[in-house]
Each structure stands twice: as C-alpha cells, then as structure tokens.
Amino acid sequence: MKSTAVTNLLLTLIAILLLANLLAKLPVTKVEAETFKLDDCITANPGDKPAAYVHVITDN
C-alpha cells in the first residue's frame, strides 16, 4: 500500500512539473520573417560589389 502512495505522489509531481513547463512555454512572441533575393547578394568574384545586401539582426 505504501508503494502505491509513493507512485501516486511521483506521478502527481511529474504532472505538476509538466503543466508548469507547458505554462512557461505558452507566451510565445510572434516571429515574422521576410524573404530576400539572395541571388542579388551573391557575386561571381569575391571583389565584385553585390546588387543588394542582407542585414541580419538577432535578439535574445
């Protein structure tokens, strides 16, 4: 009987932790992406000036 109580306690603890993990991941900010014409940014020779540039901005 004690084994069943310990098992139920552990399963309850796991359920609480999984729910807390789910709640922590819910407020996800919306991420938007734009497509770029990468062919304009690539040149045949390393010294050539490209027709366009790609600007990458990262944020935590």
C-alpha atoms as a PDB file:
ATOM      1  CA  MET A   1       0.000   0.000   0.000  1.00  0.00           C
ATOM      2  CA  LYS A   2       2.864   2.368   0.721  1.00  0.00           C
ATOM      3  CA  SER A   3       4.292   1.634  -2.726  1.00  0.00           C
ATOM      4  CA  THR A   4       1.058   2.812  -4.368  1.00  0.00           C
ATOM      5  CA  ALA A   5       1.106   6.047  -2.372  1.00  0.00           C
ATOM      6  CA  VAL A   6       4.696   6.760  -3.406  1.00  0.00           C
ATOM      7  CA  THR A   7       3.860   6.015  -7.047  1.00  0.00           C
ATOM      8  CA  ASN A   8       0.851   8.335  -6.948  1.00  0.00           C
ATOM      9  CA  LEU A   9       2.945  11.073  -5.340  1.00  0.00           C
ATOM     10  CA  LEU A  10       5.626  10.790  -8.019  1.00  0.00           C
ATOM     11  CA  LEU A  11       3.043  10.779 -10.827  1.00  0.00           C
ATOM     12  CA  THR A  12       1.387  13.863  -9.336  1.00  0.00           C
ATOM     13  CA  LEU A  13       4.754  15.610  -9.113  1.00  0.00           C
ATOM     14  CA  ILE A  14       5.518  14.756 -12.743  1.00  0.00           C
ATOM     15  CA  ALA A  15       2.096  16.049 -13.831  1.00  0.00           C
ATOM     16  CA  ILE A  16       2.625  19.325 -11.940  1.00  0.00           C
ATOM     17  CA  LEU A  17       6.074  19.821 -13.467  1.00  0.00           C
ATOM     18  CA  LEU A  18       4.783  19.085 -16.981  1.00  0.00           C
ATOM     19  CA  LEU A  19       1.956  21.580 -16.502  1.00  0.00           C
ATOM     20  CA  ALA A  20       4.404  24.207 -15.225  1.00  0.00           C
ATOM     21  CA  ASN A  21       6.632  23.583 -18.250  1.00  0.00           C
ATOM     22  CA  LEU A  22       3.668  23.972 -20.586  1.00  0.00           C
ATOM     23  CA  LEU A  23       2.578  27.201 -18.928  1.00  0.00           C
ATOM     24  CA  ALA A  24       6.124  28.576 -19.147  1.00  0.00           C
ATOM     25  CA  LYS A  25       6.221  27.974 -22.906  1.00  0.00           C
ATOM     26  CA  LEU A  26       2.783  29.399 -23.737  1.00  0.00           C
ATOM     27  CA  PRO A  27       3.521  33.133 -24.057  1.00  0.00           C
ATOM     28  CA  VAL A  28       5.481  32.828 -27.287  1.00  0.00           C
ATOM     29  CA  THR A  29       6.127  36.023 -29.171  1.00  0.00           C
ATOM     30  CA  LYS A  30       5.129  36.137 -32.801  1.00  0.00           C
ATOM     31  CA  VAL A  31       8.036  35.708 -35.173  1.00  0.00           C
ATOM     32  CA  GLU A  32       7.930  37.148 -38.658  1.00  0.00           C
ATOM     33  CA  ALA A  33      10.346  36.509 -41.454  1.00  0.00           C
ATOM     34  CA  GLU A  34      10.907  38.200 -44.770  1.00  0.00           C
ATOM     35  CA  THR A  35      12.249  36.578 -47.862  1.00  0.00           C
ATOM     36  CA  PHE A  36      15.258  38.113 -49.545  1.00  0.00           C
ATOM     37  CA  LYS A  37      16.545  37.861 -53.065  1.00  0.00           C
ATOM     38  CA  LEU A  38      19.782  36.141 -52.148  1.00  0.00           C
ATOM     39  CA  ASP A  39      20.831  35.870 -55.790  1.00  0.00           C
ATOM     40  CA  ASP A  40      21.331  39.650 -55.784  1.00  0.00           C
ATOM     41  CA  CYS A  41      23.690  39.302 -52.821  1.00  0.00           C
ATOM     42  CA  ILE A  42      25.958  36.696 -54.413  1.00  0.00           C
ATOM     43  CA  THR A  43      28.675  37.708 -56.861  1.00  0.00           C
ATOM     44  CA  ALA A  44      30.758  35.662 -59.253  1.00  0.00           C
ATOM     45  CA  ASN A  45      34.029  37.127 -57.980  1.00  0.00           C
ATOM     46  CA  PRO A  46      34.866  37.954 -54.347  1.00  0.00           C
ATOM     47  CA  GLY A  47      35.842  41.553 -55.180  1.00  0.00           C
ATOM     48  CA  ASP A  48      32.648  42.443 -57.070  1.00  0.00           C
ATOM     49  CA  LYS A  49      30.059  44.719 -55.488  1.00  0.00           C
ATOM     50  CA  PRO A  50      26.734  42.914 -54.958  1.00  0.00           C
ATOM     51  CA  ALA A  51      23.450  44.416 -56.155  1.00  0.00           C
ATOM     52  CA  ALA A  52      21.941  44.030 -52.673  1.00  0.00           C
ATOM     53  CA  TYR A  53      22.947  43.209 -49.123  1.00  0.00           C
ATOM     54  CA  VAL A  54      21.386  41.032 -46.458  1.00  0.00           C
ATOM     55  CA  HIS A  55      21.175  42.573 -42.998  1.00  0.00           C
ATOM     56  CA  VAL A  56      20.773  40.104 -40.148  1.00  0.00           C
ATOM     57  CA  ILE A  57      19.529  41.278 -36.771  1.00  0.00           C
ATOM     58  CA  THR A  58      19.356  38.913 -33.821  1.00  0.00           C
ATOM     59  CA  ASP A  59      17.759  39.416 -30.471  1.00  0.00           C
ATOM     60  CA  ASN A  60      17.507  37.321 -27.342  1.00  0.00           C
END
